């Protein structure tokens, strides 16, 4: 299928990965009409690196809200399709070929592909990657949202839907749920990119907390769909109230020992969810010891974010 397509990358302070990203986009088998780079006001040298590519890319810089940056890019795009990836990703040479094939089906408004982990990564990045890779290995053909790491859209529909400029983080989740009302989002595992995950525990905690912070707003807007979908399972979402219950009963146990029993019960329940995830991932033996602590760390980040987000939701007059 011969279709004109624009490739879009939004970036902010990604000097360590931006060259690998751009070089992979300039070596695609299917040549896009343009490679559009929207820099969000980088201060670490990313923008200066991008300027070295000259007319090989179309470069714009605008220090505005991230979702607004996407909407601005949609308005600048004249091709039928727009493919999106992140500045910390490297795409496969046949990436666009595979994404475009999905539009052969009827009523398709977007296609999404596999998000893997590069080999030359740290221990933490490998840990994050094993869990993420497992999720993408088991996605169904039909999705209701997909990450902007690996997404191809009909440009005219993208302009209609637009990203919610009040949604600070997890913007692609809200966008995807609204996009799917216009037609199908198709997943193809052959359209591959490789994503460099957070390289420090501090940055990973901050990322996961900020994602969860906007979760209550998503639930308010999209109800049940925001609680569980093919990318975020119910087993992941339920970890948050379980940890809250553990903390609550643990505090109560200081006043009465009877509350030790529900504390242990909910902790065992949480641990069994972790164990089920680890068995499904089937990592090397060493990781069986590390994953429970990693999952608990992530659950703490999610719970902290949801608590913050709940207060944020209560103060958001625009949703009343």
Protein backbone atom coordinates (compact mmCIF):
# COMPACT_ATOMS: atom_id res chain seq x y z
CA UNK A 1 0.00 0.00 0.00
CA UNK A 2 1.64 3.23 -1.16
CA UNK A 3 0.66 6.00 1.25
CA UNK A 4 2.33 9.30 2.04
CA UNK A 5 3.38 9.43 5.66
CA UNK A 6 5.02 11.82 8.11
CA UNK A 7 7.13 10.57 11.00
CA UNK A 8 6.78 12.60 14.20
CA UNK A 9 9.09 12.68 17.21
CA UNK A 10 8.50 14.93 20.20
CA UNK A 11 11.53 15.36 22.43
CA UNK A 12 12.76 17.02 25.60
CA UNK A 13 16.30 16.60 26.97
CA UNK A 14 17.17 13.32 25.23
CA UNK A 15 20.76 14.02 24.15
CA UNK A 16 21.91 10.48 25.03
CA UNK A 17 19.46 8.74 22.69
CA UNK A 18 18.38 11.28 20.08
CA UNK A 19 21.11 10.42 17.54
CA UNK A 20 20.27 6.72 17.55
CA UNK A 21 16.60 7.61 17.14
CA UNK A 22 17.06 10.00 14.22
CA UNK A 23 19.60 7.76 12.45
CA UNK A 24 17.16 4.84 12.56
CA UNK A 25 14.42 7.05 11.07
CA UNK A 26 16.71 8.14 8.23
CA UNK A 27 17.38 4.49 7.34
CA UNK A 28 13.80 3.25 6.96
CA UNK A 29 12.92 0.96 4.04
CA UNK A 30 9.73 2.97 3.47
CA UNK A 31 10.75 6.60 3.03
CA UNK A 32 8.43 9.09 4.74
CA UNK A 33 7.65 12.42 3.11
CA UNK A 34 9.12 14.18 6.11
CA UNK A 35 10.66 13.51 9.51
CA UNK A 36 9.11 16.10 11.81
CA UNK A 37 10.90 16.74 15.12
CA UNK A 38 9.14 18.85 17.73
CA UNK A 39 11.55 19.87 20.50
CA UNK A 40 9.88 20.91 23.74
CA UNK A 41 12.59 23.43 24.71
CA UNK A 42 15.48 21.08 25.50
CA UNK A 43 18.28 22.54 27.64
CA UNK A 44 20.76 19.63 27.61
CA UNK A 45 22.10 19.98 24.06
CA UNK A 46 19.43 17.89 22.33
CA UNK A 47 18.29 20.78 20.13
CA UNK A 48 21.87 21.54 19.07
CA UNK A 49 22.38 17.90 18.08
CA UNK A 50 19.18 17.99 16.04
CA UNK A 51 20.27 21.11 14.17
CA UNK A 52 23.28 19.18 12.86
CA UNK A 53 20.93 17.10 10.67
CA UNK A 54 20.09 20.14 8.57
CA UNK A 55 17.45 19.60 5.90
CA UNK A 56 17.31 15.85 6.55
CA UNK A 57 14.66 16.62 9.18
CA UNK A 58 12.05 19.33 9.76
CA UNK A 59 12.89 20.78 13.16
CA UNK A 60 10.71 22.99 15.32
CA UNK A 61 11.17 24.12 18.90
CA UNK A 62 8.33 25.24 21.14
CA UNK A 63 8.40 25.13 24.98
CA UNK A 64 4.69 24.40 25.40
CA UNK A 65 2.64 21.68 27.09
CA UNK A 66 3.54 18.25 25.68
CA UNK A 67 0.00 17.46 24.54
CA UNK A 68 -0.18 20.87 22.86
CA UNK A 69 3.05 20.01 21.02
CA UNK A 70 1.38 16.94 19.50
CA UNK A 71 -1.64 18.96 18.42
CA UNK A 72 0.61 21.56 16.83
CA UNK A 73 2.40 18.77 14.93
CA UNK A 74 -0.94 17.38 13.70
CA UNK A 75 -1.79 20.80 12.30
CA UNK A 76 1.59 20.93 10.51
CA UNK A 77 1.09 17.50 8.92
CA UNK A 78 -0.31 17.32 5.38
CA UNK A 79 0.15 13.59 4.69
CA UNK A 80 -2.61 10.98 4.99
CA UNK A 81 -0.81 9.17 7.81
CA UNK A 82 1.41 10.21 10.70
CA UNK A 83 3.64 7.72 12.52
CA UNK A 84 4.83 8.59 16.02
CA UNK A 85 7.76 7.39 18.10
CA UNK A 86 9.74 8.74 21.06
CA UNK A 87 13.19 10.30 21.17
CA UNK A 88 14.48 7.46 23.37
CA UNK A 89 13.47 4.81 20.82
CA UNK A 90 15.16 3.14 17.85
CA UNK A 91 12.94 1.84 15.04
CA UNK A 92 13.41 -1.23 12.84
CA UNK A 93 14.06 -0.63 9.10
CA UNK A 94 10.66 -2.16 8.19
CA UNK A 95 8.80 -0.25 10.92
CA UNK A 96 6.65 1.87 8.60
CA UNK A 97 6.03 -0.98 6.15
CA UNK A 98 4.43 -3.06 8.90
CA UNK A 99 2.42 -0.21 10.44
CA UNK A 100 0.96 0.76 7.06
CA UNK A 101 -0.12 -2.82 6.30
CA UNK A 102 -2.64 -2.63 9.14
CA UNK A 103 -4.68 -0.06 7.23
CA UNK A 104 -5.65 -2.78 4.73
CA UNK A 105 -8.39 -3.75 7.19
CA UNK A 106 -11.68 -1.89 7.14
CA UNK A 107 -12.43 0.93 9.56
CA UNK A 108 -8.89 1.21 10.93
CA UNK A 109 -7.94 4.63 12.33
CA UNK A 110 -4.59 3.65 13.84
CA UNK A 111 -2.03 0.88 14.01
CA UNK A 112 0.41 0.16 16.82
CA UNK A 113 3.49 -2.01 17.08
CA UNK A 114 5.79 -3.90 19.40
CA UNK A 115 7.89 -1.99 21.95
CA UNK A 116 10.98 -3.95 22.94
CA UNK A 117 14.16 -3.31 24.92
CA UNK A 118 17.65 -2.84 23.42
CA UNK A 119 20.36 -5.31 24.41
CA UNK A 120 22.95 -2.75 25.52
CA UNK A 121 21.11 -1.67 28.68
CA UNK A 122 21.68 -1.59 32.46
CA UNK A 123 20.40 -4.18 34.94
CA UNK A 124 17.44 -1.94 35.87
CA UNK A 125 16.55 -1.31 32.23
CA UNK A 126 16.64 -5.05 31.55
CA UNK A 127 14.36 -5.59 34.56
CA UNK A 128 11.85 -3.01 33.33
CA UNK A 129 12.18 -4.36 29.80
CA UNK A 130 11.41 -7.97 30.70
CA UNK A 131 8.07 -6.97 32.19
CA UNK A 132 7.24 -4.59 29.34
CA UNK A 133 8.30 -7.05 26.64
CA UNK A 134 6.09 -9.70 28.17
CA UNK A 135 3.08 -7.41 27.97
CA UNK A 136 3.70 -6.60 24.31
CA UNK A 137 4.28 -10.28 23.54
CA UNK A 138 0.73 -10.99 24.65
CA UNK A 139 -1.29 -8.08 23.26
CA UNK A 140 -4.40 -8.90 21.20
CA UNK A 141 -4.97 -7.81 17.60
CA UNK A 142 -7.49 -5.13 18.65
CA UNK A 143 -6.50 -2.38 21.09
CA UNK A 144 -8.31 0.61 22.57
CA UNK A 145 -5.19 2.70 23.08
CA UNK A 146 -1.46 2.41 22.43
CA UNK A 147 1.68 4.24 23.53
CA UNK A 148 3.08 7.02 21.37
CA UNK A 149 6.35 5.10 21.25
CA UNK A 150 4.93 3.12 18.34
CA UNK A 151 1.74 4.45 16.81
CA UNK A 152 0.50 5.32 13.30
CA UNK A 153 -2.60 7.48 12.82
CA UNK A 154 -4.90 8.75 10.13
CA UNK A 155 -4.00 12.42 10.27
CA UNK A 156 -7.50 13.78 9.73
CA UNK A 157 -8.85 11.69 12.61
CA UNK A 158 -5.94 12.68 14.86
CA UNK A 159 -6.80 16.34 14.24
CA UNK A 160 -10.43 15.69 15.25
CA UNK A 161 -9.57 13.84 18.44
CA UNK A 162 -6.54 15.88 19.56
CA UNK A 163 -4.65 15.34 22.79
CA UNK A 164 -6.27 16.69 25.94
CA UNK A 165 -4.13 19.69 26.87
CA UNK A 166 -5.30 19.48 30.50
CA UNK A 167 -4.08 15.89 30.83
CA UNK A 168 -0.54 16.40 32.12
CA UNK A 169 0.73 12.80 31.84
CA UNK A 170 -0.67 9.56 30.36
CA UNK A 171 -1.92 11.68 27.48
CA UNK A 172 -1.85 8.77 25.02
CA UNK A 173 -4.20 6.74 27.23
CA UNK A 174 -6.94 9.36 27.15
CA UNK A 175 -6.24 10.06 23.46
CA UNK A 176 -6.42 6.37 22.56
CA UNK A 177 -9.74 5.77 24.30
CA UNK A 178 -11.27 8.72 22.45
CA UNK A 179 -9.60 7.77 19.16
CA UNK A 180 -11.04 4.24 19.27
CA UNK A 181 -14.56 5.70 19.04
CA UNK A 182 -13.79 6.60 15.41
CA UNK A 183 -12.64 3.12 14.38
CA UNK A 184 -10.25 0.27 15.12
CA UNK A 185 -6.74 0.44 16.58
CA UNK A 186 -4.84 -2.59 15.27
CA UNK A 187 -1.75 -4.13 16.89
CA UNK A 188 0.97 -5.67 14.75
CA UNK A 189 3.95 -7.24 16.52
CA UNK A 190 6.08 -7.03 13.36
CA UNK A 191 6.28 -3.22 13.54
CA UNK A 192 9.11 -3.05 16.07
CA UNK A 193 10.82 -0.33 18.02
CA UNK A 194 13.28 -0.59 20.92
CA UNK A 195 12.85 1.72 23.88
CA UNK A 196 15.51 2.83 26.37
CA UNK A 197 13.77 2.66 29.75
CA UNK A 198 14.58 4.78 32.81
CA UNK A 199 18.15 4.12 33.95
CA UNK A 200 17.85 5.02 37.66
CA UNK A 201 15.44 3.96 40.39
CA UNK A 202 14.75 7.60 41.23
CA UNK A 203 13.75 8.47 37.66
CA UNK A 204 11.70 5.28 37.33
CA UNK A 205 9.82 6.02 40.58
CA UNK A 206 9.10 9.56 39.40
CA UNK A 207 7.87 8.34 36.00
CA UNK A 208 5.55 5.70 37.47
CA UNK A 209 4.23 8.05 40.16
CA UNK A 210 3.46 10.75 37.60
CA UNK A 211 1.70 8.27 35.32
CA UNK A 212 -0.46 7.07 38.22
CA UNK A 213 -1.11 10.63 39.38
CA UNK A 214 -3.32 11.17 36.35
CA UNK A 215 -5.04 7.80 36.75
CA UNK A 216 -7.99 9.09 38.83
CA UNK A 217 -8.75 11.67 36.13
CA UNK A 218 -8.72 8.93 33.50
CA UNK A 219 -11.07 6.77 35.56
CA UNK A 220 -13.41 9.74 36.03
CA UNK A 221 -13.48 10.33 32.26
CA UNK A 222 -13.43 6.76 30.93
CA UNK A 223 -14.78 4.67 33.81
CA UNK A 224 -14.15 0.91 33.64
CA UNK A 225 -11.96 1.03 30.53
CA UNK A 226 -9.34 3.10 32.41
CA UNK A 227 -9.16 0.49 35.19
CA UNK A 228 -8.22 -2.43 32.97
CA UNK A 229 -7.37 -2.93 29.31
CA UNK A 230 -5.00 -5.16 27.30
CA UNK A 231 -1.98 -2.98 28.18
CA UNK A 232 -2.76 -2.37 31.88
CA UNK A 233 -4.30 -5.49 33.38
CA UNK A 234 -6.68 -5.66 36.34
CA UNK A 235 -3.90 -7.48 38.21
CA UNK A 236 -1.77 -4.34 37.93
CA UNK A 237 -4.53 -1.93 38.96
CA UNK A 238 -5.61 -3.98 41.97
CA UNK A 239 -2.12 -3.73 43.47
CA UNK A 240 -2.86 -0.14 44.53
CA UNK A 241 -5.87 -0.81 46.82
CA UNK A 242 -4.11 -3.92 48.13
CA UNK A 243 -1.11 -1.87 49.26
CA UNK A 244 -3.44 0.73 50.77
CA UNK A 245 -5.20 -2.04 52.70
CA UNK A 246 -1.87 -3.45 53.91
CA UNK A 247 -0.73 -0.04 55.17
CA UNK A 248 -4.12 0.67 56.78
CA UNK A 249 -4.34 -2.64 58.65
CA UNK A 250 -0.66 -2.45 59.62
CA UNK A 251 -1.30 0.89 61.31
CA UNK A 252 -4.36 -0.53 63.06
CA UNK A 253 -2.30 -3.52 64.26
CA UNK A 254 -0.41 -1.16 66.59
CA UNK A 255 -3.69 -0.71 68.46
CA UNK A 256 -4.92 -4.29 68.26
CA UNK A 257 -3.05 -7.45 67.24
CA UNK A 258 -6.14 -8.83 65.53
CA UNK A 259 -5.39 -6.57 62.56
CA UNK A 260 -2.16 -8.48 61.92
CA UNK A 261 -4.22 -11.20 60.20
CA UNK A 262 -5.81 -9.04 57.48
CA UNK A 263 -2.42 -7.35 57.01
CA UNK A 264 -0.81 -10.73 56.31
CA UNK A 265 -3.74 -11.83 54.15
CA UNK A 266 -3.53 -8.80 51.84
CA UNK A 267 0.26 -8.98 51.75
CA UNK A 268 0.06 -12.64 50.69
CA UNK A 269 -2.51 -11.72 48.04
CA UNK A 270 -0.19 -9.00 46.69
CA UNK A 271 2.79 -11.35 46.72
CA UNK A 272 0.84 -13.99 44.77
CA UNK A 273 0.05 -11.40 42.09
CA UNK A 274 3.76 -10.61 41.89
CA UNK A 275 4.64 -14.30 41.71
CA UNK A 276 2.09 -14.90 38.96
CA UNK A 277 3.63 -12.05 36.94
CA UNK A 278 7.16 -13.39 37.44
CA UNK A 279 6.17 -16.90 36.34
CA UNK A 280 4.54 -15.43 33.24
CA UNK A 281 7.69 -13.44 32.43
CA UNK A 282 9.88 -16.51 33.10
CA UNK A 283 13.14 -14.58 33.67
CA UNK A 284 16.59 -16.05 34.48
CA UNK A 285 16.77 -17.44 38.08
CA UNK A 286 18.47 -14.34 39.56
CA UNK A 287 15.55 -12.15 38.55
CA UNK A 288 13.10 -14.27 40.56
CA UNK A 289 14.72 -12.83 43.68
CA UNK A 290 14.77 -9.24 42.43
CA UNK A 291 11.36 -8.91 40.79
CA UNK A 292 9.26 -8.96 44.03
CA UNK A 293 11.19 -5.95 45.36
CA UNK A 294 10.99 -4.23 41.98
CA UNK A 295 7.21 -4.77 41.78
CA UNK A 296 6.72 -3.54 45.36
CA UNK A 297 8.77 -0.42 44.57
CA UNK A 298 6.57 0.21 41.53
CA UNK A 299 3.37 -0.37 43.51
CA UNK A 300 4.51 2.19 46.10
CA UNK A 301 5.11 4.68 43.26
CA UNK A 302 1.67 3.99 41.78
CA UNK A 303 -0.07 4.30 45.15
CA UNK A 304 1.69 7.58 45.94
CA UNK A 305 0.67 8.92 42.54
CA UNK A 306 -2.98 7.85 42.88
CA UNK A 307 -3.26 9.52 46.28
CA UNK A 308 -1.82 12.75 44.85
CA UNK A 309 -4.03 12.43 41.78
CA UNK A 310 -7.17 11.97 43.84
CA UNK A 311 -6.61 15.33 45.50
CA UNK A 312 -5.82 16.82 42.08
CA UNK A 313 -9.10 15.47 40.72
CA UNK A 314 -11.11 16.92 43.59
CA UNK A 315 -9.67 20.36 42.86
CA UNK A 316 -10.26 20.14 39.08
CA UNK A 317 -13.34 22.31 38.51
CA UNK A 318 -13.32 21.60 34.76
CA UNK A 319 -14.53 18.02 35.39
CA UNK A 320 -17.51 18.96 37.50
